[in-house]
Amino acid sequence: MIRSAHQMKKEERVAMRGGKGAITITHAFTKEDLRSATRLCARLTIPPGASIGPHAHEGEEEVFCILSGRGRVDDNGTIADVGPGDAILTGGGARHAIENTGAEPLEVMAFIGCYPK
């Protein structure tokens, strides 16, 4: 399946997970499109100064791949600066958060896979 950028559903979330500002989520594929136990396959656009607040992933794991921009990640208590090419994996009940610390939008591809039941 090929989905053009103009066909992707976009949504905006304000104060996502208790974070700051508004995050744009561009869904490349929805969970209905995917045959695997994946509930999110999307590009996150986090404006300068905005963030996604701390939250846990129970029964699933999330992968962040940093496409562009600069940010700071709290990965279950480990704080790290991230940039293009970096990847973060959080799951099994661990918590994470991400904040744009740069002057340009932070672009992140995010995938959430659910553990088998």
PDB file of N, CA and C in Angstrom:
ATOM      1  N   MET A   1       0.848  -1.175   0.000  1.00  0.00           N
ATOM      2  CA  MET A   1       0.000   0.000   0.000  1.00  0.00           C
ATOM      3  C   MET A   1       0.890   1.233   0.000  1.00  0.00           C
ATOM      4  N   ILE A   2       0.548   2.169  -0.817  1.00  0.00           N
ATOM      5  CA  ILE A   2       1.249   3.446  -0.858  1.00  0.00           C
ATOM      6  C   ILE A   2       0.256   4.526  -0.456  1.00  0.00           C
ATOM      7  N   ARG A   3       0.659   5.366   0.475  1.00  0.00           N
ATOM      8  CA  ARG A   3      -0.207   6.467   0.887  1.00  0.00           C
ATOM      9  C   ARG A   3       0.556   7.762   0.677  1.00  0.00           C
ATOM     10  N   SER A   4       0.020   8.615  -0.154  1.00  0.00           N
ATOM     11  CA  SER A   4       0.623   9.926  -0.402  1.00  0.00           C
ATOM     12  C   SER A   4       0.452  10.815   0.821  1.00  0.00           C
ATOM     13  N   ALA A   5       1.363  11.746   0.986  1.00  0.00           N
ATOM     14  CA  ALA A   5       1.321  12.654   2.135  1.00  0.00           C
ATOM     15  C   ALA A   5      -0.012  13.379   2.247  1.00  0.00           C
ATOM     16  N   HIS A   6      -0.582  13.796   1.116  1.00  0.00           N
ATOM     17  CA  HIS A   6      -1.853  14.546   1.160  1.00  0.00           C
ATOM     18  C   HIS A   6      -3.040  13.670   1.569  1.00  0.00           C
ATOM     19  N   GLN A   7      -2.877  12.335   1.564  1.00  0.00           N
ATOM     20  CA  GLN A   7      -3.942  11.420   1.962  1.00  0.00           C
ATOM     21  C   GLN A   7      -3.916  11.090   3.460  1.00  0.00           C
ATOM     22  N   MET A   8      -2.856  11.486   4.127  1.00  0.00           N
ATOM     23  CA  MET A   8      -2.702  11.124   5.543  1.00  0.00           C
ATOM     24  C   MET A   8      -3.558  12.005   6.436  1.00  0.00           C
ATOM     25  N   LYS A   9      -4.207  11.359   7.402  1.00  0.00           N
ATOM     26  CA  LYS A   9      -5.048  12.070   8.351  1.00  0.00           C
ATOM     27  C   LYS A   9      -4.164  12.803   9.356  1.00  0.00           C
ATOM     28  N   LYS A  10      -4.484  14.086   9.590  1.00  0.00           N
ATOM     29  CA  LYS A  10      -3.749  14.884  10.569  1.00  0.00           C
ATOM     30  C   LYS A  10      -4.668  15.235  11.727  1.00  0.00           C
ATOM     31  N   GLU A  11      -4.079  15.290  12.902  1.00  0.00           N
ATOM     32  CA  GLU A  11      -4.806  15.760  14.073  1.00  0.00           C
ATOM     33  C   GLU A  11      -3.867  16.586  14.935  1.00  0.00           C
ATOM     34  N   GLU A  12      -4.454  17.473  15.708  1.00  0.00           N
ATOM     35  CA  GLU A  12      -3.662  18.300  16.613  1.00  0.00           C
ATOM     36  C   GLU A  12      -4.084  17.979  18.036  1.00  0.00           C
ATOM     37  N   ARG A  13      -3.084  17.808  18.892  1.00  0.00           N
ATOM     38  CA  ARG A  13      -3.364  17.559  20.307  1.00  0.00           C
ATOM     39  C   ARG A  13      -2.687  18.642  21.133  1.00  0.00           C
ATOM     40  N   VAL A  14      -3.491  19.302  21.932  1.00  0.00           N
ATOM     41  CA  VAL A  14      -2.996  20.353  22.823  1.00  0.00           C
ATOM     42  C   VAL A  14      -2.692  19.728  24.174  1.00  0.00           C
ATOM     43  N   ALA A  15      -1.543  20.111  24.747  1.00  0.00           N
ATOM     44  CA  ALA A  15      -1.110  19.606  26.065  1.00  0.00           C
ATOM     45  C   ALA A  15      -1.136  18.073  26.093  1.00  0.00           C
ATOM     46  N   MET A  16      -0.559  17.459  25.063  1.00  0.00           N
ATOM     47  CA  MET A  16      -0.564  15.995  24.946  1.00  0.00           C
ATOM     48  C   MET A  16       0.131  15.350  26.134  1.00  0.00           C
ATOM     49  N   ARG A  17      -0.577  14.469  26.801  1.00  0.00           N
ATOM     50  CA  ARG A  17      -0.070  13.757  27.986  1.00  0.00           C
ATOM     51  C   ARG A  17       0.410  14.724  29.064  1.00  0.00           C
ATOM     52  N   GLY A  18      -0.208  15.915  29.108  1.00  0.00           N
ATOM     53  CA  GLY A  18       0.178  16.916  30.103  1.00  0.00           C
ATOM     54  C   GLY A  18       1.358  17.781  29.674  1.00  0.00           C
ATOM     55  N   GLY A  19       1.764  17.655  28.416  1.00  0.00           N
ATOM     56  CA  GLY A  19       2.886  18.442  27.899  1.00  0.00           C
ATOM     57  C   GLY A  19       2.479  19.865  27.557  1.00  0.00           C
ATOM     58  N   LYS A  20       3.414  20.573  26.945  1.00  0.00           N
ATOM     59  CA  LYS A  20       3.211  21.989  26.582  1.00  0.00           C
ATOM     60  C   LYS A  20       2.922  22.120  25.092  1.00  0.00           C
ATOM     61  N   GLY A  21       2.075  23.101  24.745  1.00  0.00           N
ATOM     62  CA  GLY A  21       1.833  23.436  23.348  1.00  0.00           C
ATOM     63  C   GLY A  21       0.972  22.429  22.621  1.00  0.00           C
ATOM     64  N   ALA A  22       0.963  22.543  21.292  1.00  0.00           N
ATOM     65  CA  ALA A  22       0.148  21.689  20.421  1.00  0.00           C
ATOM     66  C   ALA A  22       1.053  20.840  19.541  1.00  0.00           C
ATOM     67  N   ILE A  23       0.772  19.556  19.486  1.00  0.00           N
ATOM     68  CA  ILE A  23       1.527  18.589  18.689  1.00  0.00           C
ATOM     69  C   ILE A  23       0.661  18.197  17.490  1.00  0.00           C
ATOM     70  N   THR A  24       1.272  18.137  16.303  1.00  0.00           N
ATOM     71  CA  THR A  24       0.557  17.648  15.120  1.00  0.00           C
ATOM     72  C   THR A  24       0.942  16.191  14.902  1.00  0.00           C
ATOM     73  N   ILE A  25      -0.083  15.346  14.756  1.00  0.00           N
ATOM     74  CA  ILE A  25       0.116  13.920  14.486  1.00  0.00           C
ATOM     75  C   ILE A  25      -0.371  13.657  13.072  1.00  0.00           C
ATOM     76  N   THR A  26       0.526  13.169  12.211  1.00  0.00           N
ATOM     77  CA  THR A  26       0.183  12.820  10.839  1.00  0.00           C
ATOM     78  C   THR A  26       0.252  11.305  10.733  1.00  0.00           C
ATOM     79  N   HIS A  27      -0.910  10.669  10.615  1.00  0.00           N
ATOM     80  CA  HIS A  27      -0.997   9.204  10.606  1.00  0.00           C
ATOM     81  C   HIS A  27      -0.627   8.667   9.225  1.00  0.00           C
ATOM     82  N   ALA A  28       0.536   8.021   9.132  1.00  0.00           N
ATOM     83  CA  ALA A  28       0.939   7.394   7.874  1.00  0.00           C
ATOM     84  C   ALA A  28      -0.004   6.238   7.572  1.00  0.00           C
ATOM     85  N   PHE A  29      -0.227   5.412   8.590  1.00  0.00           N
ATOM     86  CA  PHE A  29      -1.167   4.289   8.502  1.00  0.00           C
ATOM     87  C   PHE A  29      -1.896   4.184   9.832  1.00  0.00           C
ATOM     88  N   THR A  30      -3.154   3.784   9.779  1.00  0.00           N
ATOM     89  CA  THR A  30      -3.934   3.598  10.996  1.00  0.00           C
ATOM     90  C   THR A  30      -3.847   2.143  11.432  1.00  0.00           C
ATOM     91  N   LYS A  31      -4.281   1.851  12.645  1.00  0.00           N
ATOM     92  CA  LYS A  31      -4.249   0.466  13.111  1.00  0.00           C
ATOM     93  C   LYS A  31      -5.145  -0.421  12.252  1.00  0.00           C
ATOM     94  N   GLU A  32      -6.172   0.164  11.624  1.00  0.00           N
ATOM     95  CA  GLU A  32      -7.036  -0.608  10.726  1.00  0.00           C
ATOM     96  C   GLU A  32      -6.318  -0.966   9.416  1.00  0.00           C
ATOM     97  N   ASP A  33      -5.332  -0.162   9.021  1.00  0.00           N
ATOM     98  CA  ASP A  33      -4.554  -0.443   7.812  1.00  0.00           C
ATOM     99  C   ASP A  33      -3.564  -1.581   8.017  1.00  0.00           C
ATOM    100  N   LEU A  34      -3.117  -1.739   9.242  1.00  0.00           N
ATOM    101  CA  LEU A  34      -2.011  -2.638   9.549  1.00  0.00           C
ATOM    102  C   LEU A  34      -2.513  -3.995  10.036  1.00  0.00           C
ATOM    103  N   ARG A  35      -1.878  -5.049   9.586  1.00  0.00           N
ATOM    104  CA  ARG A  35      -2.271  -6.400  10.000  1.00  0.00           C
ATOM    105  C   ARG A  35      -1.560  -6.821  11.273  1.00  0.00           C
ATOM    106  N   SER A  36      -0.467  -6.170  11.604  1.00  0.00           N
ATOM    107  CA  SER A  36       0.261  -6.492  12.836  1.00  0.00           C
ATOM    108  C   SER A  36      -0.403  -5.776  14.010  1.00  0.00           C
ATOM    109  N   ALA A  37       0.009  -6.126  15.197  1.00  0.00           N
ATOM    110  CA  ALA A  37      -0.547  -5.515  16.411  1.00  0.00           C
ATOM    111  C   ALA A  37       0.129  -4.164  16.643  1.00  0.00           C
ATOM    112  N   THR A  38      -0.117  -3.246  15.732  1.00  0.00           N
ATOM    113  CA  THR A  38       0.459  -1.907  15.783  1.00  0.00           C
ATOM    114  C   THR A  38      -0.677  -0.919  15.927  1.00  0.00           C
ATOM    115  N   ARG A  39      -0.599  -0.035  16.933  1.00  0.00           N
ATOM    116  CA  ARG A  39      -1.702   0.914  17.116  1.00  0.00           C
ATOM    117  C   ARG A  39      -1.348   2.330  16.698  1.00  0.00           C
ATOM    118  N   LEU A  40      -0.065   2.587  16.358  1.00  0.00           N
ATOM    119  CA  LEU A  40       0.307   3.918  15.881  1.00  0.00           C
ATOM    120  C   LEU A  40       1.484   3.819  14.924  1.00  0.00           C
ATOM    121  N   CYS A  41       1.354   4.491  13.791  1.00  0.00           N
ATOM    122  CA  CYS A  41       2.438   4.654  12.821  1.00  0.00           C
ATOM    123  C   CYS A  41       2.262   6.070  12.290  1.00  0.00           C
ATOM    124  N   ALA A  42       2.975   7.024  12.907  1.00  0.00           N
ATOM    125  CA  ALA A  42       2.692   8.429  12.616  1.00  0.00           C
ATOM    126  C   ALA A  42       3.933   9.295  12.753  1.00  0.00           C
ATOM    127  N   ARG A  43       3.865  10.435  12.085  1.00  0.00           N
ATOM    128  CA  ARG A  43       4.894  11.466  12.208  1.00  0.00           C
ATOM    129  C   ARG A  43       4.376  12.489  13.211  1.00  0.00           C
ATOM    130  N   LEU A  44       5.185  12.778  14.215  1.00  0.00           N
ATOM    131  CA  LEU A  44       4.850  13.769  15.227  1.00  0.00           C
ATOM    132  C   LEU A  44       5.636  15.035  14.926  1.00  0.00           C
ATOM    133  N   THR A  45       4.956  16.162  14.888  1.00  0.00           N
ATOM    134  CA  THR A  45       5.614  17.446  14.708  1.00  0.00           C
ATOM    135  C   THR A  45       5.449  18.218  16.002  1.00  0.00           C
ATOM    136  N   ILE A  46       6.581  18.467  16.653  1.00  0.00           N
ATOM    137  CA  ILE A  46       6.594  19.130  17.954  1.00  0.00           C
ATOM    138  C   ILE A  46       7.251  20.494  17.761  1.00  0.00           C
ATOM    139  N   PRO A  47       6.478  21.582  17.884  1.00  0.00           N
ATOM    140  CA  PRO A  47       7.047  22.919  17.679  1.00  0.00           C
ATOM    141  C   PRO A  47       8.062  23.288  18.767  1.00  0.00           C
ATOM    142  N   PRO A  48       8.904  24.297  18.512  1.00  0.00           N
ATOM    143  CA  PRO A  48       9.852  24.749  19.534  1.00  0.00           C
ATOM    144  C   PRO A  48       9.134  25.058  20.858  1.00  0.00           C
ATOM    145  N   GLY A  49       9.688  24.542  21.941  1.00  0.00           N
ATOM    146  CA  GLY A  49       9.128  24.769  23.276  1.00  0.00           C
ATOM    147  C   GLY A  49       7.994  23.842  23.655  1.00  0.00           C
ATOM    148  N   ALA A  50       7.462  23.073  22.714  1.00  0.00           N
ATOM    149  CA  ALA A  50       6.355  22.154  23.004  1.00  0.00           C
ATOM    150  C   ALA A  50       6.894  20.809  23.474  1.00  0.00           C
ATOM    151  N   SER A  51       6.007  20.003  24.066  1.00  0.00           N
ATOM    152  CA  SER A  51       6.431  18.700  24.585  1.00  0.00           C
ATOM    153  C   SER A  51       5.260  17.735  24.657  1.00  0.00           C
ATOM    154  N   ILE A  52       5.606  16.464  24.784  1.00  0.00           N
ATOM    155  CA  ILE A  52       4.661  15.403  25.134  1.00  0.00           C
ATOM    156  C   ILE A  52       5.046  15.005  26.558  1.00  0.00           C
ATOM    157  N   GLY A  53       4.098  15.093  27.468  1.00  0.00           N
ATOM    158  CA  GLY A  53       4.378  14.840  28.877  1.00  0.00           C
ATOM    159  C   GLY A  53       4.665  13.378  29.182  1.00  0.00           C
ATOM    160  N   PRO A  54       5.150  13.117  30.403  1.00  0.00           N
ATOM    161  CA  PRO A  54       5.504  11.750  30.795  1.00  0.00           C
ATOM    162  C   PRO A  54       4.285  10.824  30.798  1.00  0.00           C
ATOM    163  N   HIS A  55       4.488   9.650  30.249  1.00  0.00           N
ATOM    164  CA  HIS A  55       3.449   8.629  30.234  1.00  0.00           C
ATOM    165  C   HIS A  55       4.101   7.252  30.116  1.00  0.00           C
ATOM    166  N   ALA A  56       3.388   6.237  30.598  1.00  0.00           N
ATOM    167  CA  ALA A  56       3.898   4.861  30.598  1.00  0.00           C
ATOM    168  C   ALA A  56       3.308   4.071  29.433  1.00  0.00           C
ATOM    169  N   HIS A  57       4.018   3.029  29.043  1.00  0.00           N
ATOM    170  CA  HIS A  57       3.545   2.109  28.014  1.00  0.00           C
ATOM    171  C   HIS A  57       3.419   0.717  28.616  1.00  0.00           C
ATOM    172  N   GLU A  58       2.198   0.379  29.026  1.00  0.00           N
ATOM    173  CA  GLU A  58       1.864  -0.936  29.588  1.00  0.00           C
ATOM    174  C   GLU A  58       1.365  -1.829  28.458  1.00  0.00           C
ATOM    175  N   GLY A  59       1.921  -3.015  28.334  1.00  0.00           N
ATOM    176  CA  GLY A  59       1.450  -3.971  27.335  1.00  0.00           C
ATOM    177  C   GLY A  59       1.809  -3.600  25.909  1.00  0.00           C
ATOM    178  N   GLU A  60       2.749  -2.687  25.762  1.00  0.00           N
ATOM    179  CA  GLU A  60       3.148  -2.228  24.430  1.00  0.00           C
ATOM    180  C   GLU A  60       4.507  -1.555  24.514  1.00  0.00           C
ATOM    181  N   GLU A  61       5.061  -1.243  23.347  1.00  0.00           N
ATOM    182  CA  GLU A  61       6.296  -0.470  23.302  1.00  0.00           C
ATOM    183  C   GLU A  61       6.198   0.562  22.194  1.00  0.00           C
ATOM    184  N   GLU A  62       6.913   1.690  22.412  1.00  0.00           N
ATOM    185  CA  GLU A  62       6.911   2.768  21.435  1.00  0.00           C
ATOM    186  C   GLU A  62       8.334   3.049  20.984  1.00  0.00           C
ATOM    187  N   VAL A  63       8.487   3.223  19.688  1.00  0.00           N
ATOM    188  CA  VAL A  63       9.761   3.584  19.090  1.00  0.00           C
ATOM    189  C   VAL A  63       9.628   5.005  18.554  1.00  0.00           C
ATOM    190  N   PHE A  64      10.579   5.875  18.924  1.00  0.00           N
ATOM    191  CA  PHE A  64      10.709   7.210  18.350  1.00  0.00           C
ATOM    192  C   PHE A  64      11.955   7.214  17.478  1.00  0.00           C
ATOM    193  N   CYS A  65      11.836   7.632  16.231  1.00  0.00           N
ATOM    194  CA  CYS A  65      12.988   7.845  15.349  1.00  0.00           C
ATOM    195  C   CYS A  65      13.014   9.339  15.041  1.00  0.00           C
ATOM    196  N   ILE A  66      14.085  10.018  15.435  1.00  0.00           N
ATOM    197  CA  ILE A  66      14.192  11.458  15.245  1.00  0.00           C
ATOM    198  C   ILE A  66      14.587  11.733  13.791  1.00  0.00           C
ATOM    199  N   LEU A  67      13.725  12.465  13.082  1.00  0.00           N
ATOM    200  CA  LEU A  67      13.975  12.788  11.679  1.00  0.00           C
ATOM    201  C   LEU A  67      14.709  14.115  11.521  1.00  0.00           C
ATOM    202  N   SER A  68      14.272  15.129  12.279  1.00  0.00           N
ATOM    203  CA  SER A  68      14.915  16.438  12.207  1.00  0.00           C
ATOM    204  C   SER A  68      14.607  17.215  13.480  1.00  0.00           C
ATOM    205  N   GLY A  69      15.430  18.219  13.733  1.00  0.00           N
ATOM    206  CA  GLY A  69      15.262  19.033  14.930  1.00  0.00           C
ATOM    207  C   GLY A  69      16.055  18.497  16.108  1.00  0.00           C
ATOM    208  N   ARG A  70      15.892  19.167  17.234  1.00  0.00           N
ATOM    209  CA  ARG A  70      16.606  18.813  18.466  1.00  0.00           C
ATOM    210  C   ARG A  70      15.621  18.708  19.609  1.00  0.00           C
ATOM    211  N   GLY A  71      15.895  17.769  20.505  1.00  0.00           N
ATOM    212  CA  GLY A  71      15.000  17.607  21.642  1.00  0.00           C
ATOM    213  C   GLY A  71      15.691  16.997  22.834  1.00  0.00           C
ATOM    214  N   ARG A  72      14.899  16.848  23.875  1.00  0.00           N
ATOM    215  CA  ARG A  72      15.364  16.196  25.097  1.00  0.00           C
ATOM    216  C   ARG A  72      14.328  15.135  25.463  1.00  0.00           C
ATOM    217  N   VAL A  73      14.831  13.927  25.725  1.00  0.00           N
ATOM    218  CA  VAL A  73      13.975  12.800  26.074  1.00  0.00           C
ATOM    219  C   VAL A  73      14.233  12.403  27.519  1.00  0.00           C
ATOM    220  N   ASP A  74      13.143  12.119  28.228  1.00  0.00           N
ATOM    221  CA  ASP A  74      13.224  11.476  29.544  1.00  0.00           C
ATOM    222  C   ASP A  74      12.790  10.036  29.300  1.00  0.00           C
ATOM    223  N   ASP A  75      13.741   9.120  29.325  1.00  0.00           N
ATOM    224  CA  ASP A  75      13.471   7.698  29.088  1.00  0.00           C
ATOM    225  C   ASP A  75      13.519   6.970  30.423  1.00  0.00           C
ATOM    226  N   ASN A  76      12.378   6.965  31.115  1.00  0.00           N
ATOM    227  CA  ASN A  76      12.257   6.288  32.405  1.00  0.00           C
ATOM    228  C   ASN A  76      13.299   6.780  33.403  1.00  0.00           C
ATOM    229  N   GLY A  77      13.527   8.110  33.392  1.00  0.00           N
ATOM    230  CA  GLY A  77      14.466   8.712  34.340  1.00  0.00           C
ATOM    231  C   GLY A  77      15.832   9.029  33.764  1.00  0.00           C
ATOM    232  N   THR A  78      16.152   8.496  32.608  1.00  0.00           N
ATOM    233  CA  THR A  78      17.405   8.818  31.935  1.00  0.00           C
ATOM    234  C   THR A  78      17.128   9.964  30.967  1.00  0.00           C
ATOM    235  N   ILE A  79      17.801  11.099  31.195  1.00  0.00           N
ATOM    236  CA  ILE A  79      17.596  12.296  30.366  1.00  0.00           C
ATOM    237  C   ILE A  79      18.699  12.342  29.305  1.00  0.00           C
ATOM    238  N   ALA A  80      18.297  12.563  28.053  1.00  0.00           N
ATOM    239  CA  ALA A  80      19.282  12.626  26.964  1.00  0.00           C
ATOM    240  C   ALA A  80      18.832  13.623  25.913  1.00  0.00           C
ATOM    241  N   ASP A  81      19.798  14.340  25.339  1.00  0.00           N
ATOM    242  CA  ASP A  81      19.539  15.203  24.197  1.00  0.00           C
ATOM    243  C   ASP A  81      19.542  14.328  22.951  1.00  0.00           C
ATOM    244  N   VAL A  82      18.602  14.588  22.031  1.00  0.00           N
ATOM    245  CA  VAL A  82      18.480  13.773  20.826  1.00  0.00           C
ATOM    246  C   VAL A  82      18.403  14.660  19.592  1.00  0.00           C
ATOM    247  N   GLY A  83      18.793  14.061  18.459  1.00  0.00           N
ATOM    248  CA  GLY A  83      18.745  14.765  17.190  1.00  0.00           C
ATOM    249  C   GLY A  83      18.572  13.781  16.049  1.00  0.00           C
ATOM    250  N   PRO A  84      18.673  14.266  14.817  1.00  0.00           N
ATOM    251  CA  PRO A  84      18.425  13.434  13.640  1.00  0.00           C
ATOM    252  C   PRO A  84      19.236  12.137  13.656  1.00  0.00           C
ATOM    253  N   GLY A  85      18.527  11.034  13.377  1.00  0.00           N
ATOM    254  CA  GLY A  85      19.157   9.716  13.337  1.00  0.00           C
ATOM    255  C   GLY A  85      19.078   8.961  14.640  1.00  0.00           C
ATOM    256  N   ASP A  86      18.752   9.638  15.747  1.00  0.00           N
ATOM    257  CA  ASP A  86      18.654   8.953  17.042  1.00  0.00           C
ATOM    258  C   ASP A  86      17.327   8.192  17.130  1.00  0.00           C
ATOM    259  N   ALA A  87      17.311   7.131  17.942  1.00  0.00           N
ATOM    260  CA  ALA A  87      16.108   6.324  18.144  1.00  0.00           C
ATOM    261  C   ALA A  87      15.955   6.010  19.626  1.00  0.00           C
ATOM    262  N   ILE A  88      14.705   5.924  20.068  1.00  0.00           N
ATOM    263  CA  ILE A  88      14.389   5.669  21.467  1.00  0.00           C
ATOM    264  C   ILE A  88      13.354   4.555  21.503  1.00  0.00           C
ATOM    265  N   LEU A  89      13.525   3.587  22.402  1.00  0.00           N
ATOM    266  CA  LEU A  89      12.579   2.487  22.590  1.00  0.00           C
ATOM    267  C   LEU A  89      12.119   2.505  24.033  1.00  0.00           C
ATOM    268  N   THR A  90      10.805   2.561  24.244  1.00  0.00           N
ATOM    269  CA  THR A  90      10.238   2.560  25.595  1.00  0.00           C
ATOM    270  C   THR A  90       9.085   1.574  25.627  1.00  0.00           C
ATOM    271  N   GLY A  91       9.048   0.728  26.650  1.00  0.00           N
ATOM    272  CA  GLY A  91       7.948  -0.225  26.773  1.00  0.00           C
ATOM    273  C   GLY A  91       7.995  -0.972  28.085  1.00  0.00           C
ATOM    274  N   GLY A  92       7.119  -1.949  28.221  1.00  0.00           N
ATOM    275  CA  GLY A  92       7.105  -2.801  29.404  1.00  0.00           C
ATOM    276  C   GLY A  92       6.788  -2.059  30.691  1.00  0.00           C
ATOM    277  N   GLY A  93       5.968  -1.017  30.601  1.00  0.00           N
ATOM    278  CA  GLY A  93       5.599  -0.245  31.782  1.00  0.00           C
ATOM    279  C   GLY A  93       6.490   0.950  32.047  1.00  0.00           C
ATOM    280  N   ALA A  94       7.571   1.088  31.284  1.00  0.00           N
ATOM    281  CA  ALA A  94       8.472   2.237  31.470  1.00  0.00           C
ATOM    282  C   ALA A  94       7.789   3.513  30.989  1.00  0.00           C
ATOM    283  N   ARG A  95       8.269   4.651  31.500  1.00  0.00           N
ATOM    284  CA  ARG A  95       7.711   5.963  31.165  1.00  0.00           C
ATOM    285  C   ARG A  95       8.683   6.734  30.281  1.00  0.00           C
ATOM    286  N   HIS A  96       8.121   7.633  29.478  1.00  0.00           N
ATOM    287  CA  HIS A  96       8.976   8.533  28.712  1.00  0.00           C
ATOM    288  C   HIS A  96       8.236   9.833  28.419  1.00  0.00           C
ATOM    289  N   ALA A  97       9.020  10.837  28.015  1.00  0.00           N
ATOM    290  CA  ALA A  97       8.512  12.149  27.624  1.00  0.00           C
ATOM    291  C   ALA A  97       9.513  12.725  26.631  1.00  0.00           C
ATOM    292  N   ILE A  98       9.059  13.688  25.824  1.00  0.00           N
ATOM    293  CA  ILE A  98       9.958  14.327  24.861  1.00  0.00           C
ATOM    294  C   ILE A  98       9.593  15.799  24.748  1.00  0.00           C
ATOM    295  N   GLU A  99      10.636  16.632  24.615  1.00  0.00           N
ATOM    296  CA  GLU A  99      10.448  18.078  24.511  1.00  0.00           C
ATOM    297  C   GLU A  99      11.326  18.622  23.389  1.00  0.00           C
ATOM    298  N   ASN A 100      10.796  19.571  22.636  1.00  0.00           N
ATOM    299  CA  ASN A 100      11.587  20.234  21.613  1.00  0.00           C
ATOM    300  C   ASN A 100      12.399  21.334  22.297  1.00  0.00           C
ATOM    301  N   THR A 101      13.712  21.195  22.265  1.00  0.00           N
ATOM    302  CA  THR A 101      14.614  22.184  22.872  1.00  0.00           C
ATOM    303  C   THR A 101      15.296  23.049  21.829  1.00  0.00           C
ATOM    304  N   GLY A 102      14.953  22.843  20.556  1.00  0.00           N
ATOM    305  CA  GLY A 102      15.597  23.575  19.475  1.00  0.00           C
ATOM    306  C   GLY A 102      14.766  24.740  18.973  1.00  0.00           C
ATOM    307  N   ALA A 103      15.258  25.356  17.898  1.00  0.00           N
ATOM    308  CA  ALA A 103      14.611  26.530  17.308  1.00  0.00           C
ATOM    309  C   ALA A 103      13.730  26.179  16.111  1.00  0.00           C
ATOM    310  N   GLU A 104      13.731  24.915  15.691  1.00  0.00           N
ATOM    311  CA  GLU A 104      12.915  24.470  14.560  1.00  0.00           C
ATOM    312  C   GLU A 104      12.036  23.313  15.021  1.00  0.00           C
ATOM    313  N   PRO A 105      11.008  22.949  14.252  1.00  0.00           N
ATOM    314  CA  PRO A 105      10.160  21.825  14.651  1.00  0.00           C
ATOM    315  C   PRO A 105      10.974  20.543  14.835  1.00  0.00           C
ATOM    316  N   LEU A 106      10.594  19.769  15.833  1.00  0.00           N
ATOM    317  CA  LEU A 106      11.170  18.442  16.072  1.00  0.00           C
ATOM    318  C   LEU A 106      10.247  17.445  15.380  1.00  0.00           C
ATOM    319  N   GLU A 107      10.782  16.718  14.389  1.00  0.00           N
ATOM    320  CA  GLU A 107      10.002  15.745  13.621  1.00  0.00           C
ATOM    321  C   GLU A 107      10.404  14.342  14.057  1.00  0.00           C
ATOM    322  N   VAL A 108       9.409  13.568  14.452  1.00  0.00           N
ATOM    323  CA  VAL A 108       9.642  12.230  15.002  1.00  0.00           C
ATOM    324  C   VAL A 108       8.698  11.240  14.328  1.00  0.00           C
ATOM    325  N   MET A 109       9.221  10.108  13.848  1.00  0.00           N
ATOM    326  CA  MET A 109       8.350   8.996  13.432  1.00  0.00           C
ATOM    327  C   MET A 109       8.141   8.149  14.673  1.00  0.00           C
ATOM    328  N   ALA A 110       6.875   7.838  14.946  1.00  0.00           N
ATOM    329  CA  ALA A 110       6.528   7.074  16.141  1.00  0.00           C
ATOM    330  C   ALA A 110       5.754   5.827  15.739  1.00  0.00           C
ATOM    331  N   PHE A 111       6.114   4.714  16.357  1.00  0.00           N
ATOM    332  CA  PHE A 111       5.459   3.429  16.130  1.00  0.00           C
ATOM    333  C   PHE A 111       5.129   2.841  17.490  1.00  0.00           C
ATOM    334  N   ILE A 112       3.893   2.415  17.700  1.00  0.00           N
ATOM    335  CA  ILE A 112       3.516   1.727  18.935  1.00  0.00           C
ATOM    336  C   ILE A 112       3.052   0.334  18.556  1.00  0.00           C
ATOM    337  N   GLY A 113       3.780  -0.659  19.073  1.00  0.00           N
ATOM    338  CA  GLY A 113       3.427  -2.054  18.866  1.00  0.00           C
ATOM    339  C   GLY A 113       2.906  -2.654  20.160  1.00  0.00           C
ATOM    340  N   CYS A 114       1.872  -3.471  20.044  1.00  0.00           N
ATOM    341  CA  CYS A 114       1.263  -4.095  21.220  1.00  0.00           C
ATOM    342  C   CYS A 114       1.839  -5.493  21.422  1.00  0.00           C
ATOM    343  N   TYR A 115       2.106  -5.842  22.677  1.00  0.00           N
ATOM    344  CA  TYR A 115       2.626  -7.172  22.994  1.00  0.00           C
ATOM    345  C   TYR A 115       1.534  -8.229  22.735  1.00  0.00           C
ATOM    346  N   PRO A 116       1.950  -9.438  22.361  1.00  0.00           N
ATOM    347  CA  PRO A 116       0.963 -10.513  22.182  1.00  0.00           C
ATOM    348  C   PRO A 116       0.264 -10.810  23.506  1.00  0.00           C
ATOM    349  N   LYS A 117      -0.996 -11.175  23.397  1.00  0.00           N
ATOM    350  CA  LYS A 117      -1.777 -11.495  24.614  1.00  0.00           C
ATOM    351  C   LYS A 117      -1.760 -12.960  24.882  1.00  0.00           C
TER     352      LYS A 117
END
